[in-house]
PDB file of N, CA and C in Angstrom:
ATOM      1  N   MET A   1      -7.256 -26.962  43.581  1.00  0.00           N
ATOM      2  CA  MET A   1      -7.095 -25.568  43.236  1.00  0.00           C
ATOM      3  C   MET A   1      -5.937 -25.446  42.244  1.00  0.00           C
ATOM      4  N   PRO A   2      -6.154 -24.811  41.088  1.00  0.00           N
ATOM      5  CA  PRO A   2      -5.084 -24.720  40.094  1.00  0.00           C
ATOM      6  C   PRO A   2      -3.974 -23.782  40.576  1.00  0.00           C
ATOM      7  N   ALA A   3      -2.780 -24.140  40.200  1.00  0.00           N
ATOM      8  CA  ALA A   3      -1.622 -23.346  40.591  1.00  0.00           C
ATOM      9  C   ALA A   3      -1.542 -22.089  39.736  1.00  0.00           C
ATOM     10  N   LEU A   4      -1.069 -21.024  40.324  1.00  0.00           N
ATOM     11  CA  LEU A   4      -0.904 -19.770  39.590  1.00  0.00           C
ATOM     12  C   LEU A   4       0.323 -19.874  38.694  1.00  0.00           C
ATOM     13  N   THR A   5       0.188 -19.418  37.497  1.00  0.00           N
ATOM     14  CA  THR A   5       1.320 -19.451  36.568  1.00  0.00           C
ATOM     15  C   THR A   5       1.867 -18.051  36.392  1.00  0.00           C
ATOM     16  N   GLU A   6       3.146 -17.965  36.191  1.00  0.00           N
ATOM     17  CA  GLU A   6       3.780 -16.672  35.978  1.00  0.00           C
ATOM     18  C   GLU A   6       3.844 -16.382  34.493  1.00  0.00           C
ATOM     19  N   HIS A   7       3.533 -15.163  34.133  1.00  0.00           N
ATOM     20  CA  HIS A   7       3.632 -14.737  32.745  1.00  0.00           C
ATOM     21  C   HIS A   7       5.006 -14.132  32.529  1.00  0.00           C
ATOM     22  N   LYS A   8       5.709 -14.676  31.582  1.00  0.00           N
ATOM     23  CA  LYS A   8       7.033 -14.151  31.290  1.00  0.00           C
ATOM     24  C   LYS A   8       6.917 -13.073  30.221  1.00  0.00           C
ATOM     25  N   THR A   9       7.597 -11.996  30.438  1.00  0.00           N
ATOM     26  CA  THR A   9       7.613 -10.931  29.438  1.00  0.00           C
ATOM     27  C   THR A   9       8.849 -11.088  28.588  1.00  0.00           C
ATOM     28  N   LYS A  10       8.697 -10.794  27.329  1.00  0.00           N
ATOM     29  CA  LYS A  10       9.829 -10.880  26.417  1.00  0.00           C
ATOM     30  C   LYS A  10      10.737  -9.685  26.639  1.00  0.00           C
ATOM     31  N   GLU A  11      11.998  -9.963  26.785  1.00  0.00           N
ATOM     32  CA  GLU A  11      12.954  -8.879  26.946  1.00  0.00           C
ATOM     33  C   GLU A  11      13.389  -8.397  25.577  1.00  0.00           C
ATOM     34  N   LYS A  12      13.554  -7.110  25.481  1.00  0.00           N
ATOM     35  CA  LYS A  12      13.984  -6.543  24.209  1.00  0.00           C
ATOM     36  C   LYS A  12      15.462  -6.841  24.000  1.00  0.00           C
ATOM     37  N   THR A  13      15.799  -7.161  22.794  1.00  0.00           N
ATOM     38  CA  THR A  13      17.195  -7.405  22.481  1.00  0.00           C
ATOM     39  C   THR A  13      17.916  -6.078  22.365  1.00  0.00           C
ATOM     40  N   GLY A  14      19.219  -6.120  22.283  1.00  0.00           N
ATOM     41  CA  GLY A  14      20.020  -4.912  22.243  1.00  0.00           C
ATOM     42  C   GLY A  14      19.930  -4.168  20.924  1.00  0.00           C
ATOM     43  N   ASP A  15      19.206  -4.710  19.936  1.00  0.00           N
ATOM     44  CA  ASP A  15      19.094  -4.045  18.643  1.00  0.00           C
ATOM     45  C   ASP A  15      18.240  -2.786  18.772  1.00  0.00           C
ATOM     46  N   ALA A  16      18.802  -1.693  18.341  1.00  0.00           N
ATOM     47  CA  ALA A  16      18.039  -0.436  18.368  1.00  0.00           C
ATOM     48  C   ALA A  16      17.223  -0.341  17.088  1.00  0.00           C
ATOM     49  N   GLN A  17      15.916  -0.215  17.238  1.00  0.00           N
ATOM     50  CA  GLN A  17      15.064  -0.125  16.071  1.00  0.00           C
ATOM     51  C   GLN A  17      15.107   1.291  15.520  1.00  0.00           C
ATOM     52  N   LYS A  18      15.115   1.373  14.206  1.00  0.00           N
ATOM     53  CA  LYS A  18      15.072   2.684  13.574  1.00  0.00           C
ATOM     54  C   LYS A  18      13.664   3.236  13.694  1.00  0.00           C
ATOM     55  N   PRO A  19      13.542   4.542  13.853  1.00  0.00           N
ATOM     56  CA  PRO A  19      12.191   5.107  13.964  1.00  0.00           C
ATOM     57  C   PRO A  19      11.435   4.979  12.643  1.00  0.00           C
ATOM     58  N   GLN A  20      10.157   4.779  12.753  1.00  0.00           N
ATOM     59  CA  GLN A  20       9.289   4.673  11.591  1.00  0.00           C
ATOM     60  C   GLN A  20       8.240   5.768  11.668  1.00  0.00           C
ATOM     61  N   LEU A  21       7.716   6.125  10.522  1.00  0.00           N
ATOM     62  CA  LEU A  21       6.648   7.117  10.458  1.00  0.00           C
ATOM     63  C   LEU A  21       5.373   6.449   9.995  1.00  0.00           C
ATOM     64  N   ARG A  22       4.265   6.865  10.589  1.00  0.00           N
ATOM     65  CA  ARG A  22       2.944   6.449  10.129  1.00  0.00           C
ATOM     66  C   ARG A  22       2.216   7.718   9.715  1.00  0.00           C
ATOM     67  N   ILE A  23       1.886   7.815   8.439  1.00  0.00           N
ATOM     68  CA  ILE A  23       1.246   9.006   7.887  1.00  0.00           C
ATOM     69  C   ILE A  23      -0.203   8.659   7.561  1.00  0.00           C
ATOM     70  N   LYS A  24      -1.137   9.404   8.170  1.00  0.00           N
ATOM     71  CA  LYS A  24      -2.560   9.228   7.888  1.00  0.00           C
ATOM     72  C   LYS A  24      -3.052  10.454   7.148  1.00  0.00           C
ATOM     73  N   LEU A  25      -3.724  10.229   6.040  1.00  0.00           N
ATOM     74  CA  LEU A  25      -4.292  11.317   5.242  1.00  0.00           C
ATOM     75  C   LEU A  25      -5.809  11.190   5.262  1.00  0.00           C
ATOM     76  N   ARG A  26      -6.493  12.328   5.358  1.00  0.00           N
ATOM     77  CA  ARG A  26      -7.956  12.375   5.342  1.00  0.00           C
ATOM     78  C   ARG A  26      -8.399  13.478   4.401  1.00  0.00           C
ATOM     79  N   SER A  27      -9.466  13.209   3.640  1.00  0.00           N
ATOM     80  CA  SER A  27      -9.985  14.214   2.718  1.00  0.00           C
ATOM     81  C   SER A  27     -11.419  13.861   2.352  1.00  0.00           C
ATOM     82  N   TYR A  28     -12.152  14.888   1.917  1.00  0.00           N
ATOM     83  CA  TYR A  28     -13.518  14.662   1.439  1.00  0.00           C
ATOM     84  C   TYR A  28     -13.535  14.213  -0.014  1.00  0.00           C
ATOM     85  N   ASP A  29     -12.451  14.420  -0.753  1.00  0.00           N
ATOM     86  CA  ASP A  29     -12.378  14.099  -2.176  1.00  0.00           C
ATOM     87  C   ASP A  29     -11.337  13.004  -2.393  1.00  0.00           C
ATOM     88  N   SER A  30     -11.742  11.906  -3.008  1.00  0.00           N
ATOM     89  CA  SER A  30     -10.827  10.772  -3.183  1.00  0.00           C
ATOM     90  C   SER A  30      -9.719  11.073  -4.192  1.00  0.00           C
ATOM     91  N   LYS A  31     -10.005  11.878  -5.205  1.00  0.00           N
ATOM     92  CA  LYS A  31      -8.984  12.195  -6.206  1.00  0.00           C
ATOM     93  C   LYS A  31      -7.875  13.054  -5.610  1.00  0.00           C
ATOM     94  N   VAL A  32      -8.237  13.978  -4.747  1.00  0.00           N
ATOM     95  CA  VAL A  32      -7.260  14.864  -4.116  1.00  0.00           C
ATOM     96  C   VAL A  32      -6.358  14.077  -3.164  1.00  0.00           C
ATOM     97  N   ILE A  33      -6.941  13.152  -2.411  1.00  0.00           N
ATOM     98  CA  ILE A  33      -6.141  12.379  -1.466  1.00  0.00           C
ATOM     99  C   ILE A  33      -5.213  11.414  -2.197  1.00  0.00           C
ATOM    100  N   ASP A  34      -5.648  10.891  -3.344  1.00  0.00           N
ATOM    101  CA  ASP A  34      -4.770  10.028  -4.132  1.00  0.00           C
ATOM    102  C   ASP A  34      -3.598  10.809  -4.710  1.00  0.00           C
ATOM    103  N   ALA A  35      -3.827  12.051  -5.104  1.00  0.00           N
ATOM    104  CA  ALA A  35      -2.739  12.898  -5.603  1.00  0.00           C
ATOM    105  C   ALA A  35      -1.733  13.195  -4.496  1.00  0.00           C
ATOM    106  N   ALA A  36      -2.209  13.434  -3.285  1.00  0.00           N
ATOM    107  CA  ALA A  36      -1.316  13.690  -2.157  1.00  0.00           C
ATOM    108  C   ALA A  36      -0.493  12.446  -1.822  1.00  0.00           C
ATOM    109  N   CYS A  37      -1.118  11.280  -1.874  1.00  0.00           N
ATOM    110  CA  CYS A  37      -0.388  10.020  -1.632  1.00  0.00           C
ATOM    111  C   CYS A  37       0.681   9.807  -2.691  1.00  0.00           C
ATOM    112  N   ARG A  38       0.348  10.126  -3.927  1.00  0.00           N
ATOM    113  CA  ARG A  38       1.312   9.980  -5.017  1.00  0.00           C
ATOM    114  C   ARG A  38       2.538  10.865  -4.782  1.00  0.00           C
ATOM    115  N   GLN A  39       2.320  12.088  -4.294  1.00  0.00           N
ATOM    116  CA  GLN A  39       3.438  12.999  -4.000  1.00  0.00           C
ATOM    117  C   GLN A  39       4.339  12.422  -2.915  1.00  0.00           C
ATOM    118  N   ILE A  40       3.752  11.877  -1.853  1.00  0.00           N
ATOM    119  CA  ILE A  40       4.541  11.314  -0.756  1.00  0.00           C
ATOM    120  C   ILE A  40       5.316  10.085  -1.218  1.00  0.00           C
ATOM    121  N   VAL A  41       4.703   9.246  -2.045  1.00  0.00           N
ATOM    122  CA  VAL A  41       5.383   8.058  -2.561  1.00  0.00           C
ATOM    123  C   VAL A  41       6.557   8.446  -3.463  1.00  0.00           C
ATOM    124  N   GLU A  42       6.388   9.491  -4.283  1.00  0.00           N
ATOM    125  CA  GLU A  42       7.477   9.954  -5.142  1.00  0.00           C
ATOM    126  C   GLU A  42       8.640  10.489  -4.316  1.00  0.00           C
ATOM    127  N   ILE A  43       8.339  11.221  -3.245  1.00  0.00           N
ATOM    128  CA  ILE A  43       9.392  11.732  -2.362  1.00  0.00           C
ATOM    129  C   ILE A  43      10.133  10.565  -1.705  1.00  0.00           C
ATOM    130  N   ALA A  44       9.396   9.558  -1.281  1.00  0.00           N
ATOM    131  CA  ALA A  44      10.019   8.390  -0.655  1.00  0.00           C
ATOM    132  C   ALA A  44      10.906   7.636  -1.640  1.00  0.00           C
ATOM    133  N   ALA A  45      10.462   7.527  -2.888  1.00  0.00           N
ATOM    134  CA  ALA A  45      11.267   6.825  -3.893  1.00  0.00           C
ATOM    135  C   ALA A  45      12.556   7.588  -4.185  1.00  0.00           C
ATOM    136  N   ARG A  46      12.474   8.926  -4.244  1.00  0.00           N
ATOM    137  CA  ARG A  46      13.667   9.732  -4.508  1.00  0.00           C
ATOM    138  C   ARG A  46      14.667   9.685  -3.365  1.00  0.00           C
ATOM    139  N   SER A  47      14.163   9.611  -2.130  1.00  0.00           N
ATOM    140  CA  SER A  47      15.077   9.634  -0.988  1.00  0.00           C
ATOM    141  C   SER A  47      15.528   8.240  -0.572  1.00  0.00           C
ATOM    142  N   GLY A  48      14.966   7.193  -1.148  1.00  0.00           N
ATOM    143  CA  GLY A  48      15.428   5.828  -0.918  1.00  0.00           C
ATOM    144  C   GLY A  48      15.011   5.219   0.411  1.00  0.00           C
ATOM    145  N   VAL A  49      13.812   5.491   0.857  1.00  0.00           N
ATOM    146  CA  VAL A  49      13.307   4.870   2.087  1.00  0.00           C
ATOM    147  C   VAL A  49      12.312   3.779   1.727  1.00  0.00           C
ATOM    148  N   ALA A  50      12.164   2.818   2.640  1.00  0.00           N
ATOM    149  CA  ALA A  50      11.197   1.738   2.419  1.00  0.00           C
ATOM    150  C   ALA A  50       9.810   2.256   2.764  1.00  0.00           C
ATOM    151  N   ILE A  51       8.842   1.921   1.919  1.00  0.00           N
ATOM    152  CA  ILE A  51       7.483   2.450   2.083  1.00  0.00           C
ATOM    153  C   ILE A  51       6.481   1.304   1.999  1.00  0.00           C
ATOM    154  N   ALA A  52       5.440   1.389   2.799  1.00  0.00           N
ATOM    155  CA  ALA A  52       4.328   0.445   2.740  1.00  0.00           C
ATOM    156  C   ALA A  52       3.056   1.256   2.552  1.00  0.00           C
ATOM    157  N   GLY A  53       2.404   1.052   1.444  1.00  0.00           N
ATOM    158  CA  GLY A  53       1.169   1.787   1.211  1.00  0.00           C
ATOM    159  C   GLY A  53       1.200   2.528  -0.097  1.00  0.00           C
ATOM    160  N   PRO A  54       0.273   3.367  -0.338  1.00  0.00           N
ATOM    161  CA  PRO A  54      -0.838   3.796   0.507  1.00  0.00           C
ATOM    162  C   PRO A  54      -1.919   2.729   0.630  1.00  0.00           C
ATOM    163  N   VAL A  55      -2.364   2.538   1.848  1.00  0.00           N
ATOM    164  CA  VAL A  55      -3.402   1.569   2.151  1.00  0.00           C
ATOM    165  C   VAL A  55      -4.716   2.326   2.317  1.00  0.00           C
ATOM    166  N   PRO A  56      -5.728   2.025   1.504  1.00  0.00           N
ATOM    167  CA  PRO A  56      -7.019   2.707   1.682  1.00  0.00           C
ATOM    168  C   PRO A  56      -7.730   2.165   2.920  1.00  0.00           C
ATOM    169  N   LEU A  57      -8.045   3.040   3.848  1.00  0.00           N
ATOM    170  CA  LEU A  57      -8.801   2.669   5.040  1.00  0.00           C
ATOM    171  C   LEU A  57     -10.294   2.841   4.743  1.00  0.00           C
ATOM    172  N   PRO A  58     -11.167   2.264   5.555  1.00  0.00           N
ATOM    173  CA  PRO A  58     -12.604   2.383   5.281  1.00  0.00           C
ATOM    174  C   PRO A  58     -13.071   3.836   5.235  1.00  0.00           C
ATOM    175  N   THR A  59     -13.924   4.120   4.271  1.00  0.00           N
ATOM    176  CA  THR A  59     -14.465   5.463   4.117  1.00  0.00           C
ATOM    177  C   THR A  59     -15.516   5.702   5.201  1.00  0.00           C
ATOM    178  N   GLU A  60     -15.359   6.812   5.894  1.00  0.00           N
ATOM    179  CA  GLU A  60     -16.294   7.175   6.953  1.00  0.00           C
ATOM    180  C   GLU A  60     -17.442   7.960   6.315  1.00  0.00           C
ATOM    181  N   ILE A  61     -18.672   7.471   6.477  1.00  0.00           N
ATOM    182  CA  ILE A  61     -19.839   8.116   5.877  1.00  0.00           C
ATOM    183  C   ILE A  61     -20.716   8.659   6.995  1.00  0.00           C
ATOM    184  N   ARG A  62     -20.945   9.964   6.970  1.00  0.00           N
ATOM    185  CA  ARG A  62     -21.831  10.605   7.943  1.00  0.00           C
ATOM    186  C   ARG A  62     -23.082  11.058   7.212  1.00  0.00           C
ATOM    187  N   ARG A  63     -24.225  10.564   7.675  1.00  0.00           N
ATOM    188  CA  ARG A  63     -25.493  10.906   7.037  1.00  0.00           C
ATOM    189  C   ARG A  63     -26.315  11.798   7.956  1.00  0.00           C
ATOM    190  N   TYR A  64     -26.939  12.810   7.346  1.00  0.00           N
ATOM    191  CA  TYR A  64     -27.765  13.751   8.088  1.00  0.00           C
ATOM    192  C   TYR A  64     -29.121  13.853   7.410  1.00  0.00           C
ATOM    193  N   THR A  65     -30.187  13.824   8.213  1.00  0.00           N
ATOM    194  CA  THR A  65     -31.544  14.009   7.713  1.00  0.00           C
ATOM    195  C   THR A  65     -32.122  15.255   8.379  1.00  0.00           C
ATOM    196  N   VAL A  66     -32.618  16.182   7.566  1.00  0.00           N
ATOM    197  CA  VAL A  66     -33.186  17.426   8.089  1.00  0.00           C
ATOM    198  C   VAL A  66     -34.561  17.651   7.474  1.00  0.00           C
ATOM    199  N   ASN A  67     -35.391  18.371   8.225  1.00  0.00           N
ATOM    200  CA  ASN A  67     -36.708  18.731   7.703  1.00  0.00           C
ATOM    201  C   ASN A  67     -36.562  19.822   6.646  1.00  0.00           C
ATOM    202  N   ARG A  68     -37.389  19.757   5.605  1.00  0.00           N
ATOM    203  CA  ARG A  68     -37.334  20.793   4.565  1.00  0.00           C
ATOM    204  C   ARG A  68     -37.901  22.107   5.067  1.00  0.00           C
ATOM    205  N   SER A  69     -38.958  22.021   5.832  1.00  0.00           N
ATOM    206  CA  SER A  69     -39.540  23.243   6.372  1.00  0.00           C
ATOM    207  C   SER A  69     -39.211  23.314   7.868  1.00  0.00           C
ATOM    208  N   THR A  70     -39.406  24.483   8.424  1.00  0.00           N
ATOM    209  CA  THR A  70     -39.011  24.669   9.813  1.00  0.00           C
ATOM    210  C   THR A  70     -40.044  24.174  10.820  1.00  0.00           C
ATOM    211  N   PHE A  71     -41.314  24.226  10.472  1.00  0.00           N
ATOM    212  CA  PHE A  71     -42.314  23.973  11.495  1.00  0.00           C
ATOM    213  C   PHE A  71     -43.295  22.866  11.119  1.00  0.00           C
ATOM    214  N   VAL A  72     -43.772  22.862   9.888  1.00  0.00           N
ATOM    215  CA  VAL A  72     -44.792  21.893   9.472  1.00  0.00           C
ATOM    216  C   VAL A  72     -44.211  20.969   8.402  1.00  0.00           C
ATOM    217  N   HIS A  73     -44.995  20.076   7.900  1.00  0.00           N
ATOM    218  CA  HIS A  73     -44.618  19.124   6.840  1.00  0.00           C
ATOM    219  C   HIS A  73     -43.455  18.237   7.282  1.00  0.00           C
ATOM    220  N   LYS A  74     -43.714  17.455   8.338  1.00  0.00           N
ATOM    221  CA  LYS A  74     -42.663  16.596   8.876  1.00  0.00           C
ATOM    222  C   LYS A  74     -42.252  15.506   7.892  1.00  0.00           C
ATOM    223  N   ASP A  75     -43.136  15.142   6.971  1.00  0.00           N
ATOM    224  CA  ASP A  75     -42.818  14.073   6.033  1.00  0.00           C
ATOM    225  C   ASP A  75     -41.873  14.537   4.926  1.00  0.00           C
ATOM    226  N   ALA A  76     -41.733  15.833   4.757  1.00  0.00           N
ATOM    227  CA  ALA A  76     -40.835  16.355   3.718  1.00  0.00           C
ATOM    228  C   ALA A  76     -39.450  16.540   4.335  1.00  0.00           C
ATOM    229  N   ARG A  77     -38.523  15.676   3.962  1.00  0.00           N
ATOM    230  CA  ARG A  77     -37.176  15.726   4.532  1.00  0.00           C
ATOM    231  C   ARG A  77     -36.130  15.662   3.433  1.00  0.00           C
ATOM    232  N   GLU A  78     -34.961  16.168   3.759  1.00  0.00           N
ATOM    233  CA  GLU A  78     -33.813  16.070   2.858  1.00  0.00           C
ATOM    234  C   GLU A  78     -32.724  15.275   3.561  1.00  0.00           C
ATOM    235  N   GLN A  79     -31.968  14.520   2.770  1.00  0.00           N
ATOM    236  CA  GLN A  79     -30.886  13.724   3.334  1.00  0.00           C
ATOM    237  C   GLN A  79     -29.571  14.138   2.682  1.00  0.00           C
ATOM    238  N   PHE A  80     -28.553  14.305   3.517  1.00  0.00           N
ATOM    239  CA  PHE A  80     -27.230  14.679   3.053  1.00  0.00           C
ATOM    240  C   PHE A  80     -26.223  13.693   3.626  1.00  0.00           C
ATOM    241  N   GLU A  81     -25.079  13.577   2.954  1.00  0.00           N
ATOM    242  CA  GLU A  81     -24.023  12.727   3.488  1.00  0.00           C
ATOM    243  C   GLU A  81     -22.656  13.337   3.197  1.00  0.00           C
ATOM    244  N   MET A  82     -21.733  13.085   4.118  1.00  0.00           N
ATOM    245  CA  MET A  82     -20.344  13.493   3.947  1.00  0.00           C
ATOM    246  C   MET A  82     -19.493  12.230   3.955  1.00  0.00           C
ATOM    247  N   ARG A  83     -18.626  12.111   2.974  1.00  0.00           N
ATOM    248  CA  ARG A  83     -17.726  10.960   2.911  1.00  0.00           C
ATOM    249  C   ARG A  83     -16.314  11.421   3.222  1.00  0.00           C
ATOM    250  N   VAL A  84     -15.689  10.780   4.181  1.00  0.00           N
ATOM    251  CA  VAL A  84     -14.308  11.097   4.555  1.00  0.00           C
ATOM    252  C   VAL A  84     -13.443   9.916   4.115  1.00  0.00           C
ATOM    253  N   HIS A  85     -12.612  10.156   3.100  1.00  0.00           N
ATOM    254  CA  HIS A  85     -11.712   9.130   2.581  1.00  0.00           C
ATOM    255  C   HIS A  85     -10.420   9.168   3.367  1.00  0.00           C
ATOM    256  N   LYS A  86      -9.848   7.994   3.658  1.00  0.00           N
ATOM    257  CA  LYS A  86      -8.636   7.914   4.470  1.00  0.00           C
ATOM    258  C   LYS A  86      -7.617   7.009   3.791  1.00  0.00           C
ATOM    259  N   ARG A  87      -6.347   7.368   3.950  1.00  0.00           N
ATOM    260  CA  ARG A  87      -5.234   6.554   3.447  1.00  0.00           C
ATOM    261  C   ARG A  87      -4.165   6.469   4.528  1.00  0.00           C
ATOM    262  N   LEU A  88      -3.419   5.367   4.533  1.00  0.00           N
ATOM    263  CA  LEU A  88      -2.354   5.146   5.503  1.00  0.00           C
ATOM    264  C   LEU A  88      -1.077   4.796   4.756  1.00  0.00           C
ATOM    265  N   ILE A  89       0.019   5.470   5.115  1.00  0.00           N
ATOM    266  CA  ILE A  89       1.326   5.198   4.528  1.00  0.00           C
ATOM    267  C   ILE A  89       2.300   5.000   5.678  1.00  0.00           C
ATOM    268  N   GLU A  90       3.078   3.923   5.633  1.00  0.00           N
ATOM    269  CA  GLU A  90       4.093   3.679   6.650  1.00  0.00           C
ATOM    270  C   GLU A  90       5.462   3.765   5.998  1.00  0.00           C
ATOM    271  N   ILE A  91       6.358   4.487   6.660  1.00  0.00           N
ATOM    272  CA  ILE A  91       7.707   4.702   6.163  1.00  0.00           C
ATOM    273  C   ILE A  91       8.681   4.043   7.140  1.00  0.00           C
ATOM    274  N   ALA A  92       9.567   3.199   6.631  1.00  0.00           N
ATOM    275  CA  ALA A  92      10.601   2.574   7.450  1.00  0.00           C
ATOM    276  C   ALA A  92      11.971   3.055   6.957  1.00  0.00           C
ATOM    277  N   ASP A  93      12.977   2.859   7.750  1.00  0.00           N
ATOM    278  CA  ASP A  93      14.355   3.263   7.413  1.00  0.00           C
ATOM    279  C   ASP A  93      14.426   4.740   7.052  1.00  0.00           C
ATOM    280  N   LEU A  94      14.004   5.573   7.984  1.00  0.00           N
ATOM    281  CA  LEU A  94      14.007   7.017   7.743  1.00  0.00           C
ATOM    282  C   LEU A  94      15.408   7.558   7.535  1.00  0.00           C
ATOM    283  N   ASN A  95      15.494   8.605   6.733  1.00  0.00           N
ATOM    284  CA  ASN A  95      16.738   9.354   6.630  1.00  0.00           C
ATOM    285  C   ASN A  95      16.407  10.843   6.625  1.00  0.00           C
ATOM    286  N   GLN A  96      17.417  11.650   6.834  1.00  0.00           N
ATOM    287  CA  GLN A  96      17.208  13.095   6.959  1.00  0.00           C
ATOM    288  C   GLN A  96      16.721  13.711   5.653  1.00  0.00           C
ATOM    289  N   ARG A  97      17.126  13.138   4.541  1.00  0.00           N
ATOM    290  CA  ARG A  97      16.709  13.667   3.229  1.00  0.00           C
ATOM    291  C   ARG A  97      15.192  13.581   3.062  1.00  0.00           C
ATOM    292  N   PHE A  98      14.610  12.454   3.488  1.00  0.00           N
ATOM    293  CA  PHE A  98      13.157  12.280   3.388  1.00  0.00           C
ATOM    294  C   PHE A  98      12.429  13.247   4.308  1.00  0.00           C
ATOM    295  N   ILE A  99      12.933  13.415   5.531  1.00  0.00           N
ATOM    296  CA  ILE A  99      12.276  14.304   6.494  1.00  0.00           C
ATOM    297  C   ILE A  99      12.288  15.743   5.992  1.00  0.00           C
ATOM    298  N   ASP A 100      13.410  16.184   5.418  1.00  0.00           N
ATOM    299  CA  ASP A 100      13.488  17.539   4.868  1.00  0.00           C
ATOM    300  C   ASP A 100      12.527  17.722   3.698  1.00  0.00           C
ATOM    301  N   ALA A 101      12.439  16.711   2.837  1.00  0.00           N
ATOM    302  CA  ALA A 101      11.525  16.792   1.692  1.00  0.00           C
ATOM    303  C   ALA A 101      10.066  16.789   2.149  1.00  0.00           C
ATOM    304  N   LEU A 102       9.782  16.060   3.226  1.00  0.00           N
ATOM    305  CA  LEU A 102       8.415  16.009   3.754  1.00  0.00           C
ATOM    306  C   LEU A 102       8.007  17.346   4.374  1.00  0.00           C
ATOM    307  N   ARG A 103       8.967  18.051   4.965  1.00  0.00           N
ATOM    308  CA  ARG A 103       8.672  19.371   5.527  1.00  0.00           C
ATOM    309  C   ARG A 103       8.336  20.375   4.433  1.00  0.00           C
ATOM    310  N   ASP A 104       8.997  20.267   3.280  1.00  0.00           N
ATOM    311  CA  ASP A 104       8.784  21.208   2.187  1.00  0.00           C
ATOM    312  C   ASP A 104       7.581  20.842   1.313  1.00  0.00           C
ATOM    313  N   LEU A 105       6.910  19.755   1.630  1.00  0.00           N
ATOM    314  CA  LEU A 105       5.788  19.271   0.828  1.00  0.00           C
ATOM    315  C   LEU A 105       4.584  20.200   0.968  1.00  0.00           C
ATOM    316  N   THR A 106       4.013  20.575  -0.165  1.00  0.00           N
ATOM    317  CA  THR A 106       2.765  21.344  -0.156  1.00  0.00           C
ATOM    318  C   THR A 106       1.651  20.419  -0.635  1.00  0.00           C
ATOM    319  N   LEU A 107       0.738  20.127   0.252  1.00  0.00           N
ATOM    320  CA  LEU A 107      -0.373  19.243  -0.086  1.00  0.00           C
ATOM    321  C   LEU A 107      -1.513  20.045  -0.689  1.00  0.00           C
ATOM    322  N   PRO A 108      -2.347  19.399  -1.511  1.00  0.00           N
ATOM    323  CA  PRO A 108      -3.515  20.082  -2.071  1.00  0.00           C
ATOM    324  C   PRO A 108      -4.462  20.541  -0.960  1.00  0.00           C
ATOM    325  N   THR A 109      -5.246  21.541  -1.258  1.00  0.00           N
ATOM    326  CA  THR A 109      -6.215  22.058  -0.295  1.00  0.00           C
ATOM    327  C   THR A 109      -7.259  20.985   0.002  1.00  0.00           C
ATOM    328  N   GLY A 110      -7.584  20.840   1.268  1.00  0.00           N
ATOM    329  CA  GLY A 110      -8.608  19.879   1.658  1.00  0.00           C
ATOM    330  C   GLY A 110      -8.056  18.552   2.115  1.00  0.00           C
ATOM    331  N   VAL A 111      -6.733  18.431   2.244  1.00  0.00           N
ATOM    332  CA  VAL A 111      -6.133  17.191   2.719  1.00  0.00           C
ATOM    333  C   VAL A 111      -5.573  17.439   4.111  1.00  0.00           C
ATOM    334  N   GLU A 112      -6.005  16.625   5.057  1.00  0.00           N
ATOM    335  CA  GLU A 112      -5.513  16.707   6.427  1.00  0.00           C
ATOM    336  C   GLU A 112      -4.484  15.597   6.612  1.00  0.00           C
ATOM    337  N   ILE A 113      -3.330  15.931   7.187  1.00  0.00           N
ATOM    338  CA  ILE A 113      -2.267  14.957   7.359  1.00  0.00           C
ATOM    339  C   ILE A 113      -1.932  14.839   8.829  1.00  0.00           C
ATOM    340  N   GLU A 114      -1.703  13.600   9.265  1.00  0.00           N
ATOM    341  CA  GLU A 114      -1.307  13.331  10.648  1.00  0.00           C
ATOM    342  C   GLU A 114      -0.089  12.414  10.592  1.00  0.00           C
ATOM    343  N   ILE A 115       1.009  12.837  11.196  1.00  0.00           N
ATOM    344  CA  ILE A 115       2.258  12.072  11.156  1.00  0.00           C
ATOM    345  C   ILE A 115       2.602  11.638  12.564  1.00  0.00           C
ATOM    346  N   LYS A 116       2.816  10.328  12.737  1.00  0.00           N
ATOM    347  CA  LYS A 116       3.197   9.778  14.037  1.00  0.00           C
ATOM    348  C   LYS A 116       4.515   9.039  13.900  1.00  0.00           C
ATOM    349  N   THR A 117       5.323   9.106  14.939  1.00  0.00           N
ATOM    350  CA  THR A 117       6.549   8.313  15.011  1.00  0.00           C
ATOM    351  C   THR A 117       6.236   7.049  15.779  1.00  0.00           C
ATOM    352  N   ILE A 118       6.619   5.920  15.217  1.00  0.00           N
ATOM    353  CA  ILE A 118       6.343   4.638  15.855  1.00  0.00           C
ATOM    354  C   ILE A 118       7.586   4.180  16.584  1.00  0.00           C
TER     355      ILE A 118
END
């Protein structure tokens, strides 16, 4: 019978990690989302924080098939699709100047932003 082994967990060192931000952007238009990413990168460059990205994430494609008529002609159908473009930006070494500039940021219409602290 094999002996049971103990799993050792790594203890965290006394170094306090600085908080990081993970910014996810979503939009139906790729040009609009690229403009929003450019604005965030410019703000990061002005405030002197380390930035990783923007990283293009896979485009989510939703396809819908509907009948052209309501009751008859089942073979006549239309197909539609929605493309959701996504970008990821990670910010390290945060400072108050960047956070204030990010609060005052006005993004183009149609861009959804999600900010998480890591």
